[in-house]
């Protein structure tokens, strides 16, 4: 549960950072060169946070997906053995 909350906070924080920088850009608050560099750094940070959460499925039930992958692997091995036995009989 803690991972889901942390993942949601990270994702929403990144999204909020991007939206606030877009708003500042459209409002014309970024006339200074320093502000443009700060804003671009914050946008990169926000995009990185969003992509990290999305790509790593941070906050998702990773243990369940591991078990499902193992079950799928075992099913394919069992099916492979059955096919080998069937081919050996023919």
PDB file of N, CA and C in Angstrom:
ATOM      1  N   UNK A   1       0.817  -1.186   0.000  1.00  0.00           N
ATOM      2  CA  UNK A   1       0.000   0.000   0.000  1.00  0.00           C
ATOM      3  C   UNK A   1       0.867   1.259   0.000  1.00  0.00           C
ATOM      4  N   UNK A   2       1.988   1.204   0.733  1.00  0.00           N
ATOM      5  CA  UNK A   2       2.883   2.357   0.782  1.00  0.00           C
ATOM      6  C   UNK A   2       3.485   2.645  -0.592  1.00  0.00           C
ATOM      7  N   UNK A   3       3.785   1.575  -1.335  1.00  0.00           N
ATOM      8  CA  UNK A   3       4.365   1.775  -2.663  1.00  0.00           C
ATOM      9  C   UNK A   3       3.373   2.433  -3.603  1.00  0.00           C
ATOM     10  N   UNK A   4       2.112   2.058  -3.515  1.00  0.00           N
ATOM     11  CA  UNK A   4       1.102   2.671  -4.378  1.00  0.00           C
ATOM     12  C   UNK A   4       0.941   4.147  -4.062  1.00  0.00           C
ATOM     13  N   UNK A   5       0.932   4.482  -2.778  1.00  0.00           N
ATOM     14  CA  UNK A   5       0.788   5.884  -2.384  1.00  0.00           C
ATOM     15  C   UNK A   5       1.993   6.687  -2.854  1.00  0.00           C
ATOM     16  N   UNK A   6       3.196   6.137  -2.664  1.00  0.00           N
ATOM     17  CA  UNK A   6       4.407   6.823  -3.095  1.00  0.00           C
ATOM     18  C   UNK A   6       4.441   6.971  -4.609  1.00  0.00           C
ATOM     19  N   UNK A   7       4.033   5.944  -5.328  1.00  0.00           N
ATOM     20  CA  UNK A   7       3.976   6.023  -6.788  1.00  0.00           C
ATOM     21  C   UNK A   7       2.996   7.072  -7.255  1.00  0.00           C
ATOM     22  N   UNK A   8       1.840   7.146  -6.618  1.00  0.00           N
ATOM     23  CA  UNK A   8       0.836   8.144  -6.998  1.00  0.00           C
ATOM     24  C   UNK A   8       1.330   9.555  -6.704  1.00  0.00           C
ATOM     25  N   UNK A   9       1.971   9.749  -5.552  1.00  0.00           N
ATOM     26  CA  UNK A   9       2.495  11.072  -5.208  1.00  0.00           C
ATOM     27  C   UNK A   9       3.587  11.487  -6.184  1.00  0.00           C
ATOM     28  N   UNK A  10       4.481  10.570  -6.531  1.00  0.00           N
ATOM     29  CA  UNK A  10       5.550  10.878  -7.477  1.00  0.00           C
ATOM     30  C   UNK A  10       4.982  11.233  -8.839  1.00  0.00           C
ATOM     31  N   UNK A  11       4.026  10.448  -9.316  1.00  0.00           N
ATOM     32  CA  UNK A  11       3.419  10.703 -10.617  1.00  0.00           C
ATOM     33  C   UNK A  11       2.704  12.048 -10.629  1.00  0.00           C
ATOM     34  N   UNK A  12       1.895  12.302  -9.614  1.00  0.00           N
ATOM     35  CA  UNK A  12       1.152  13.561  -9.566  1.00  0.00           C
ATOM     36  C   UNK A  12       2.076  14.755  -9.354  1.00  0.00           C
ATOM     37  N   UNK A  13       3.164  14.563  -8.620  1.00  0.00           N
ATOM     38  CA  UNK A  13       4.146  15.634  -8.454  1.00  0.00           C
ATOM     39  C   UNK A  13       4.815  15.987  -9.774  1.00  0.00           C
ATOM     40  N   UNK A  14       5.180  14.978 -10.540  1.00  0.00           N
ATOM     41  CA  UNK A  14       5.774  15.226 -11.857  1.00  0.00           C
ATOM     42  C   UNK A  14       4.800  15.900 -12.795  1.00  0.00           C
ATOM     43  N   UNK A  15       3.561  15.445 -12.773  1.00  0.00           N
ATOM     44  CA  UNK A  15       2.533  16.043 -13.625  1.00  0.00           C
ATOM     45  C   UNK A  15       2.257  17.483 -13.218  1.00  0.00           C
ATOM     46  N   UNK A  16       2.197  17.739 -11.919  1.00  0.00           N
ATOM     47  CA  UNK A  16       1.980  19.104 -11.435  1.00  0.00           C
ATOM     48  C   UNK A  16       3.122  20.029 -11.802  1.00  0.00           C
ATOM     49  N   UNK A  17       4.354  19.513 -11.738  1.00  0.00           N
ATOM     50  CA  UNK A  17       5.517  20.312 -12.114  1.00  0.00           C
ATOM     51  C   UNK A  17       5.447  20.706 -13.578  1.00  0.00           C
ATOM     52  N   UNK A  18       5.121  19.755 -14.431  1.00  0.00           N
ATOM     53  CA  UNK A  18       5.034  20.044 -15.864  1.00  0.00           C
ATOM     54  C   UNK A  18       3.924  21.046 -16.145  1.00  0.00           C
ATOM     55  N   UNK A  19       2.767  20.838 -15.554  1.00  0.00           N
ATOM     56  CA  UNK A  19       1.645  21.748 -15.800  1.00  0.00           C
ATOM     57  C   UNK A  19       1.927  23.151 -15.277  1.00  0.00           C
ATOM     58  N   UNK A  20       2.582  23.261 -14.127  1.00  0.00           N
ATOM     59  CA  UNK A  20       2.897  24.590 -13.602  1.00  0.00           C
ATOM     60  C   UNK A  20       3.927  25.300 -14.468  1.00  0.00           C
ATOM     61  N   UNK A  21       4.874  24.565 -15.027  1.00  0.00           N
ATOM     62  CA  UNK A  21       5.858  25.195 -15.906  1.00  0.00           C
ATOM     63  C   UNK A  21       5.219  25.621 -17.229  1.00  0.00           C
ATOM     64  N   UNK A  22       4.303  24.817 -17.734  1.00  0.00           N
ATOM     65  CA  UNK A  22       3.591  25.206 -18.956  1.00  0.00           C
ATOM     66  C   UNK A  22       2.754  26.453 -18.698  1.00  0.00           C
ATOM     67  N   UNK A  23       2.102  26.516 -17.535  1.00  0.00           N
ATOM     68  CA  UNK A  23       1.313  27.698 -17.182  1.00  0.00           C
ATOM     69  C   UNK A  23       2.208  28.930 -17.068  1.00  0.00           C
ATOM     70  N   UNK A  24       3.370  28.789 -16.420  1.00  0.00           N
ATOM     71  CA  UNK A  24       4.296  29.914 -16.280  1.00  0.00           C
ATOM     72  C   UNK A  24       4.804  30.363 -17.642  1.00  0.00           C
ATOM     73  N   UNK A  25       5.023  29.428 -18.532  1.00  0.00           N
ATOM     74  CA  UNK A  25       5.486  29.774 -19.874  1.00  0.00           C
ATOM     75  C   UNK A  25       4.412  30.525 -20.641  1.00  0.00           C
ATOM     76  N   UNK A  26       3.175  30.051 -20.554  1.00  0.00           N
ATOM     77  CA  UNK A  26       2.080  30.707 -21.263  1.00  0.00           C
ATOM     78  C   UNK A  26       1.711  32.046 -20.639  1.00  0.00           C
ATOM     79  N   UNK A  27       1.898  32.204 -19.344  1.00  0.00           N
ATOM     80  CA  UNK A  27       1.577  33.464 -18.665  1.00  0.00           C
ATOM     81  C   UNK A  27       2.651  34.512 -18.907  1.00  0.00           C
ATOM     82  N   UNK A  28       3.796  34.100 -19.410  1.00  0.00           N
ATOM     83  CA  UNK A  28       4.867  35.045 -19.724  1.00  0.00           C
ATOM     84  C   UNK A  28       5.747  35.356 -18.534  1.00  0.00           C
ATOM     85  N   UNK A  29       5.826  34.487 -17.571  1.00  0.00           N
ATOM     86  CA  UNK A  29       6.647  34.718 -16.386  1.00  0.00           C
ATOM     87  C   UNK A  29       8.103  34.300 -16.580  1.00  0.00           C
ATOM     88  N   UNK A  30       8.443  33.785 -17.723  1.00  0.00           N
ATOM     89  CA  UNK A  30       9.788  33.233 -17.932  1.00  0.00           C
ATOM     90  C   UNK A  30      10.597  34.072 -18.919  1.00  0.00           C
ATOM     91  N   UNK A  31      10.676  35.367 -18.684  1.00  0.00           N
ATOM     92  CA  UNK A  31      11.421  36.229 -19.599  1.00  0.00           C
ATOM     93  C   UNK A  31      12.916  36.184 -19.346  1.00  0.00           C
ATOM     94  N   UNK A  32      13.327  35.923 -18.153  1.00  0.00           N
ATOM     95  CA  UNK A  32      14.729  35.895 -17.785  1.00  0.00           C
ATOM     96  C   UNK A  32      15.356  34.567 -18.224  1.00  0.00           C
ATOM     97  N   UNK A  33      16.620  34.623 -18.646  1.00  0.00           N
ATOM     98  CA  UNK A  33      17.316  33.422 -19.113  1.00  0.00           C
ATOM     99  C   UNK A  33      17.452  32.404 -17.978  1.00  0.00           C
ATOM    100  N   UNK A  34      17.734  32.882 -16.767  1.00  0.00           N
ATOM    101  CA  UNK A  34      17.851  31.969 -15.631  1.00  0.00           C
ATOM    102  C   UNK A  34      16.542  31.227 -15.388  1.00  0.00           C
ATOM    103  N   UNK A  35      15.444  31.928 -15.502  1.00  0.00           N
ATOM    104  CA  UNK A  35      14.141  31.299 -15.277  1.00  0.00           C
ATOM    105  C   UNK A  35      13.842  30.240 -16.335  1.00  0.00           C
ATOM    106  N   UNK A  36      14.291  30.481 -17.556  1.00  0.00           N
ATOM    107  CA  UNK A  36      14.082  29.496 -18.625  1.00  0.00           C
ATOM    108  C   UNK A  36      14.864  28.221 -18.321  1.00  0.00           C
ATOM    109  N   UNK A  37      16.114  28.363 -17.849  1.00  0.00           N
ATOM    110  CA  UNK A  37      16.906  27.181 -17.498  1.00  0.00           C
ATOM    111  C   UNK A  37      16.298  26.433 -16.315  1.00  0.00           C
ATOM    112  N   UNK A  38      15.820  27.180 -15.333  1.00  0.00           N
ATOM    113  CA  UNK A  38      15.183  26.544 -14.177  1.00  0.00           C
ATOM    114  C   UNK A  38      13.924  25.805 -14.613  1.00  0.00           C
ATOM    115  N   UNK A  39      13.125  26.449 -15.453  1.00  0.00           N
ATOM    116  CA  UNK A  39      11.877  25.831 -15.917  1.00  0.00           C
ATOM    117  C   UNK A  39      12.156  24.583 -16.739  1.00  0.00           C
ATOM    118  N   UNK A  40      13.161  24.647 -17.616  1.00  0.00           N
ATOM    119  CA  UNK A  40      13.466  23.465 -18.432  1.00  0.00           C
ATOM    120  C   UNK A  40      13.978  22.327 -17.555  1.00  0.00           C
ATOM    121  N   UNK A  41      14.753  22.641 -16.532  1.00  0.00           N
ATOM    122  CA  UNK A  41      15.204  21.608 -15.602  1.00  0.00           C
ATOM    123  C   UNK A  41      14.055  20.976 -14.845  1.00  0.00           C
ATOM    124  N   UNK A  42      13.092  21.799 -14.429  1.00  0.00           N
ATOM    125  CA  UNK A  42      11.935  21.268 -13.718  1.00  0.00           C
ATOM    126  C   UNK A  42      11.050  20.423 -14.626  1.00  0.00           C
ATOM    127  N   UNK A  43      10.932  20.820 -15.890  1.00  0.00           N
ATOM    128  CA  UNK A  43      10.143  20.020 -16.834  1.00  0.00           C
ATOM    129  C   UNK A  43      10.815  18.667 -17.061  1.00  0.00           C
ATOM    130  N   UNK A  44      12.135  18.671 -17.209  1.00  0.00           N
ATOM    131  CA  UNK A  44      12.864  17.411 -17.376  1.00  0.00           C
ATOM    132  C   UNK A  44      12.684  16.531 -16.138  1.00  0.00           C
ATOM    133  N   UNK A  45      12.760  17.134 -14.953  1.00  0.00           N
ATOM    134  CA  UNK A  45      12.550  16.388 -13.715  1.00  0.00           C
ATOM    135  C   UNK A  45      11.140  15.805 -13.653  1.00  0.00           C
ATOM    136  N   UNK A  46      10.145  16.589 -14.037  1.00  0.00           N
ATOM    137  CA  UNK A  46       8.764  16.109 -14.015  1.00  0.00           C
ATOM    138  C   UNK A  46       8.527  14.976 -14.992  1.00  0.00           C
ATOM    139  N   UNK A  47       9.059  15.123 -16.200  1.00  0.00           N
ATOM    140  CA  UNK A  47       8.905  14.065 -17.208  1.00  0.00           C
ATOM    141  C   UNK A  47       9.623  12.800 -16.752  1.00  0.00           C
ATOM    142  N   UNK A  48      10.802  12.962 -16.171  1.00  0.00           N
ATOM    143  CA  UNK A  48      11.541  11.799 -15.676  1.00  0.00           C
ATOM    144  C   UNK A  48      10.773  11.073 -14.583  1.00  0.00           C
ATOM    145  N   UNK A  49      10.144  11.820 -13.686  1.00  0.00           N
ATOM    146  CA  UNK A  49       9.362  11.192 -12.610  1.00  0.00           C
ATOM    147  C   UNK A  49       8.185  10.421 -13.179  1.00  0.00           C
ATOM    148  N   UNK A  50       7.488  11.021 -14.137  1.00  0.00           N
ATOM    149  CA  UNK A  50       6.335  10.352 -14.743  1.00  0.00           C
ATOM    150  C   UNK A  50       6.767   9.088 -15.476  1.00  0.00           C
ATOM    151  N   UNK A  51       7.826   9.177 -16.267  1.00  0.00           N
ATOM    152  CA  UNK A  51       8.292   8.011 -17.018  1.00  0.00           C
ATOM    153  C   UNK A  51       8.816   6.917 -16.094  1.00  0.00           C
ATOM    154  N   UNK A  52       9.486   7.298 -15.011  1.00  0.00           N
ATOM    155  CA  UNK A  52       9.979   6.297 -14.062  1.00  0.00           C
ATOM    156  C   UNK A  52       8.821   5.516 -13.460  1.00  0.00           C
ATOM    157  N   UNK A  53       7.796   6.229 -13.033  1.00  0.00           N
ATOM    158  CA  UNK A  53       6.635   5.555 -12.439  1.00  0.00           C
ATOM    159  C   UNK A  53       5.963   4.669 -13.472  1.00  0.00           C
ATOM    160  N   UNK A  54       5.841   5.149 -14.699  1.00  0.00           N
ATOM    161  CA  UNK A  54       5.153   4.392 -15.751  1.00  0.00           C
ATOM    162  C   UNK A  54       5.944   3.158 -16.165  1.00  0.00           C
ATOM    163  N   UNK A  55       7.233   3.331 -16.427  1.00  0.00           N
ATOM    164  CA  UNK A  55       8.041   2.222 -16.935  1.00  0.00           C
ATOM    165  C   UNK A  55       8.294   1.142 -15.893  1.00  0.00           C
ATOM    166  N   UNK A  56       8.515   1.522 -14.655  1.00  0.00           N
ATOM    167  CA  UNK A  56       8.826   0.531 -13.629  1.00  0.00           C
ATOM    168  C   UNK A  56       7.586   0.009 -12.937  1.00  0.00           C
ATOM    169  N   UNK A  57       6.433   0.498 -13.326  1.00  0.00           N
ATOM    170  CA  UNK A  57       5.164   0.142 -12.681  1.00  0.00           C
ATOM    171  C   UNK A  57       5.292   0.331 -11.176  1.00  0.00           C
ATOM    172  N   UNK A  58       5.922   1.444 -10.805  1.00  0.00           N
ATOM    173  CA  UNK A  58       6.152   1.756  -9.397  1.00  0.00           C
ATOM    174  C   UNK A  58       4.814   1.930  -8.706  1.00  0.00           C
ATOM    175  N   UNK A  59       4.609   1.198  -7.657  1.00  0.00           N
ATOM    176  CA  UNK A  59       3.338   1.241  -6.959  1.00  0.00           C
ATOM    177  C   UNK A  59       2.421   0.097  -7.344  1.00  0.00           C
ATOM    178  N   UNK A  60       2.790  -0.655  -8.368  1.00  0.00           N
ATOM    179  CA  UNK A  60       1.974  -1.788  -8.793  1.00  0.00           C
ATOM    180  C   UNK A  60       2.297  -3.022  -7.971  1.00  0.00           C
ATOM    181  N   UNK A  61       1.478  -4.013  -8.067  1.00  0.00           N
ATOM    182  CA  UNK A  61       1.711  -5.270  -7.361  1.00  0.00           C
ATOM    183  C   UNK A  61       2.706  -6.104  -8.154  1.00  0.00           C
ATOM    184  N   UNK A  62       3.972  -5.947  -7.834  1.00  0.00           N
ATOM    185  CA  UNK A  62       5.018  -6.629  -8.581  1.00  0.00           C
ATOM    186  C   UNK A  62       5.121  -8.097  -8.196  1.00  0.00           C
ATOM    187  N   UNK A  63       4.786  -8.432  -6.964  1.00  0.00           N
ATOM    188  CA  UNK A  63       4.861  -9.829  -6.541  1.00  0.00           C
ATOM    189  C   UNK A  63       3.846 -10.675  -7.293  1.00  0.00           C
ATOM    190  N   UNK A  64       2.676 -10.129  -7.514  1.00  0.00           N
ATOM    191  CA  UNK A  64       1.642 -10.862  -8.244  1.00  0.00           C
ATOM    192  C   UNK A  64       2.074 -11.083  -9.685  1.00  0.00           C
ATOM    193  N   UNK A  65       2.673 -10.075 -10.297  1.00  0.00           N
ATOM    194  CA  UNK A  65       3.107 -10.242 -11.682  1.00  0.00           C
ATOM    195  C   UNK A  65       4.238 -11.264 -11.782  1.00  0.00           C
ATOM    196  N   UNK A  66       5.105 -11.335 -10.771  1.00  0.00           N
ATOM    197  CA  UNK A  66       6.166 -12.347 -10.780  1.00  0.00           C
ATOM    198  C   UNK A  66       5.569 -13.747 -10.719  1.00  0.00           C
ATOM    199  N   UNK A  67       4.586 -13.926  -9.851  1.00  0.00           N
ATOM    200  CA  UNK A  67       3.937 -15.231  -9.715  1.00  0.00           C
ATOM    201  C   UNK A  67       3.230 -15.603 -11.011  1.00  0.00           C
ATOM    202  N   UNK A  68       2.564 -14.633 -11.629  1.00  0.00           N
ATOM    203  CA  UNK A  68       1.880 -14.907 -12.895  1.00  0.00           C
ATOM    204  C   UNK A  68       2.874 -15.295 -13.982  1.00  0.00           C
ATOM    205  N   UNK A  69       4.028 -14.644 -14.030  1.00  0.00           N
ATOM    206  CA  UNK A  69       5.049 -14.993 -15.019  1.00  0.00           C
ATOM    207  C   UNK A  69       5.581 -16.402 -14.780  1.00  0.00           C
ATOM    208  N   UNK A  70       5.808 -16.742 -13.503  1.00  0.00           N
ATOM    209  CA  UNK A  70       6.288 -18.089 -13.183  1.00  0.00           C
ATOM    210  C   UNK A  70       5.252 -19.141 -13.555  1.00  0.00           C
ATOM    211  N   UNK A  71       3.986 -18.858 -13.279  1.00  0.00           N
ATOM    212  CA  UNK A  71       2.922 -19.795 -13.652  1.00  0.00           C
ATOM    213  C   UNK A  71       2.854 -19.980 -15.161  1.00  0.00           C
ATOM    214  N   UNK A  72       2.997 -18.905 -15.892  1.00  0.00           N
ATOM    215  CA  UNK A  72       2.965 -18.985 -17.352  1.00  0.00           C
ATOM    216  C   UNK A  72       4.142 -19.816 -17.862  1.00  0.00           C
ATOM    217  N   UNK A  73       5.307 -19.618 -17.256  1.00  0.00           N
ATOM    218  CA  UNK A  73       6.487 -20.387 -17.650  1.00  0.00           C
ATOM    219  C   UNK A  73       6.288 -21.871 -17.362  1.00  0.00           C
ATOM    220  N   UNK A  74       5.744 -22.189 -16.193  1.00  0.00           N
ATOM    221  CA  UNK A  74       5.492 -23.594 -15.849  1.00  0.00           C
ATOM    222  C   UNK A  74       4.468 -24.222 -16.789  1.00  0.00           C
ATOM    223  N   UNK A  75       3.419 -23.476 -17.128  1.00  0.00           N
ATOM    224  CA  UNK A  75       2.419 -24.002 -18.070  1.00  0.00           C
ATOM    225  C   UNK A  75       3.041 -24.301 -19.426  1.00  0.00           C
ATOM    226  N   UNK A  76       3.914 -23.403 -19.881  1.00  0.00           N
ATOM    227  CA  UNK A  76       4.536 -23.636 -21.185  1.00  0.00           C
ATOM    228  C   UNK A  76       5.482 -24.837 -21.133  1.00  0.00           C
ATOM    229  N   UNK A  77       6.175 -25.030 -20.010  1.00  0.00           N
ATOM    230  CA  UNK A  77       7.050 -26.198 -19.881  1.00  0.00           C
ATOM    231  C   UNK A  77       6.240 -27.488 -19.863  1.00  0.00           C
ATOM    232  N   UNK A  78       5.117 -27.488 -19.143  1.00  0.00           N
ATOM    233  CA  UNK A  78       4.250 -28.672 -19.099  1.00  0.00           C
ATOM    234  C   UNK A  78       3.704 -28.974 -20.484  1.00  0.00           C
ATOM    235  N   UNK A  79       3.282 -27.940 -21.178  1.00  0.00           N
ATOM    236  CA  UNK A  79       2.747 -28.131 -22.533  1.00  0.00           C
ATOM    237  C   UNK A  79       3.835 -28.647 -23.469  1.00  0.00           C
ATOM    238  N   UNK A  80       5.046 -28.151 -23.288  1.00  0.00           N
ATOM    239  CA  UNK A  80       6.159 -28.601 -24.116  1.00  0.00           C
ATOM    240  C   UNK A  80       6.446 -30.087 -23.863  1.00  0.00           C
ATOM    241  N   UNK A  81       6.401 -30.514 -22.603  1.00  0.00           N
ATOM    242  CA  UNK A  81       6.623 -31.929 -22.284  1.00  0.00           C
ATOM    243  C   UNK A  81       5.538 -32.805 -22.891  1.00  0.00           C
ATOM    244  N   UNK A  82       4.290 -32.341 -22.839  1.00  0.00           N
ATOM    245  CA  UNK A  82       3.186 -33.096 -23.437  1.00  0.00           C
ATOM    246  C   UNK A  82       3.381 -33.243 -24.940  1.00  0.00           C
ATOM    247  N   UNK A  83       3.803 -32.173 -25.584  1.00  0.00           N
ATOM    248  CA  UNK A  83       4.028 -32.237 -27.030  1.00  0.00           C
ATOM    249  C   UNK A  83       5.187 -33.168 -27.368  1.00  0.00           C
ATOM    250  N   UNK A  84       6.235 -33.166 -26.540  1.00  0.00           N
ATOM    251  CA  UNK A  84       7.363 -34.066 -26.778  1.00  0.00           C
ATOM    252  C   UNK A  84       6.933 -35.522 -26.642  1.00  0.00           C
ATOM    253  N   UNK A  85       6.104 -35.814 -25.617  1.00  0.00           N
ATOM    254  CA  UNK A  85       5.599 -37.178 -25.440  1.00  0.00           C
ATOM    255  C   UNK A  85       4.731 -37.581 -26.621  1.00  0.00           C
ATOM    256  N   UNK A  86       3.923 -36.671 -27.093  1.00  0.00           N
ATOM    257  CA  UNK A  86       3.042 -36.955 -28.228  1.00  0.00           C
ATOM    258  C   UNK A  86       3.857 -37.221 -29.486  1.00  0.00           C
ATOM    259  N   UNK A  87       4.902 -36.452 -29.691  1.00  0.00           N
ATOM    260  CA  UNK A  87       5.762 -36.671 -30.855  1.00  0.00           C
ATOM    261  C   UNK A  87       6.545 -37.975 -30.726  1.00  0.00           C
ATOM    262  N   UNK A  88       6.938 -38.325 -29.513  1.00  0.00           N
ATOM    263  CA  UNK A  88       7.681 -39.569 -29.301  1.00  0.00           C
ATOM    264  C   UNK A  88       6.806 -40.786 -29.588  1.00  0.00           C
ATOM    265  N   UNK A  89       5.506 -40.689 -29.302  1.00  0.00           N
ATOM    266  CA  UNK A  89       4.587 -41.791 -29.584  1.00  0.00           C
ATOM    267  C   UNK A  89       4.378 -41.966 -31.082  1.00  0.00           C
ATOM    268  N   UNK A  90       4.386 -40.885 -31.817  1.00  0.00           N
ATOM    269  CA  UNK A  90       4.152 -40.969 -33.273  1.00  0.00           C
ATOM    270  C   UNK A  90       5.377 -41.422 -33.967  1.00  0.00           C
TER     271      UNK A  90
END
